[in-house]
C-alpha cells in the first residue's frame, strides 16, 4: 500500500510539472502579449510568455473544452475582468467569459484562449494545428470567423464580418461616397502591417483608394464592413441587393513545385493525399493507418470552398467514429504524419498506394 501511495504521489508531481510553464510566475507586462518566430510570424502569448491558442470547436464567447481537454489545454484565467490587459499593438479586444467552474477565462475577440501542456519553454508552438482544430493567435488583419447560419467566412482585425462587392473589379473599389459610409472599407496604414490569420490560402494585398488610403484586398477583391452589423458573428450584409457577400475561406488550393508540378494542399498549407485502396465515397483507412494518414476533417458549419482556378467537387463522408472527412471528386483526402512543414510532399508514392492530389 505504501509503495502504491508513493507511486501516486510521483505521478501527481510529474503531471504538475507538465503544467509549470503555463502556471509560471507572470513576467510580461500584459495579460495578452506578442511574440514571434520565423516559421509562424507574430502570435499571442500569456503573461508568462507561453503561447496562446484558440479552439476551432469553440464558438464566440463559449468554451467547449472541458474535462480531459482542459487538462491538456489549460485556460488562460484571471481573478478579475478588470485585470485583463493587452499589448497596444494587438487589434481588437480582450475580455473574459465565466467557465462552468466559475473561473474567468480570457478571450480575444470573444474567442477563449488556452495554453498547451506540451509546450515546455517560452517560444514553443507545438500546439499549432493539433488535431486540425487548435491554432496560434496572430494579431491578424484578416482571419477566419463565421456563424451558425452561414458557416465559416472572413472577419477583420476586430472580429467583425468582411464582405466583397460584386460591382468592384479585381484590385479596384467602386464603392465611394454614400456606399462607403454604409460599407466602410478595411484599411491599413501600410501594406507591410498586414497579417494573415492561420489557415488562409488566399492572397492578402492592398488597393489605393481615391483619397490615398490603402484598402485591404483578398484575392484582389477589396474588403468592406457593413454598418448595420452590431456585434461579432453578425453577417446582416449577406446578399444585400444581391451584390454584397461574405467571403468563404478556401478548403483546398493549388501549390506547385519543380519536382511534383501542381498538387493540392489543405487550408493549413499541408499537402493532401488519396489512398488507392479507397473507393469513391468510402474510406478504407482506419486504426493505425488513420494515425499515420490523418483524414482531412470538416467540422459542423465549415464552408467547403475550392481555391482560385480549381474545378471539381468537394464533399464529405462520415467516418466510423462520426467525424466528417472531406472528399475531392468523391475520393477521401488525408494528410501524412511525416510531412512536417507546409509544402512537404514526403507521402507521395508511399507503398505505391498514396498519391498527391492533382488538380
Foldseek 3Di string as FASTA:
>chain_A
DVVVVVVVVVVVVVLVLLCCLVVPDFDADFQWEWDADPAAGIFIDGRSLAFKKFFQPAAQQGDPQDDPSCSQWPFSFDPDQVRHDYDPLQDADKGWHQDPVRTTGIDGLRTGMTGGSNPNDRPDDVQDCVVPTMHTHGSAQKEWHAAQPQFIFIDGSNQAFKKFFQPADQLGDPQDDPRCVQWPFSFDQDQVSHDYDALAPWDWGWHADPVRTTGIDTNRTGMTGGPPDDGRNDDVVDCDVPGMHTHAGEQKEWDADPVPGIFIDGSNLAFKKFFQPADQQGDPQDDPRCVQWPAAFDDNRHDHHHDPPDDFDWDWHADPVRTTGIDTNRTTMTGGPPPDGRPDDVQDCVVPGMHTHHD
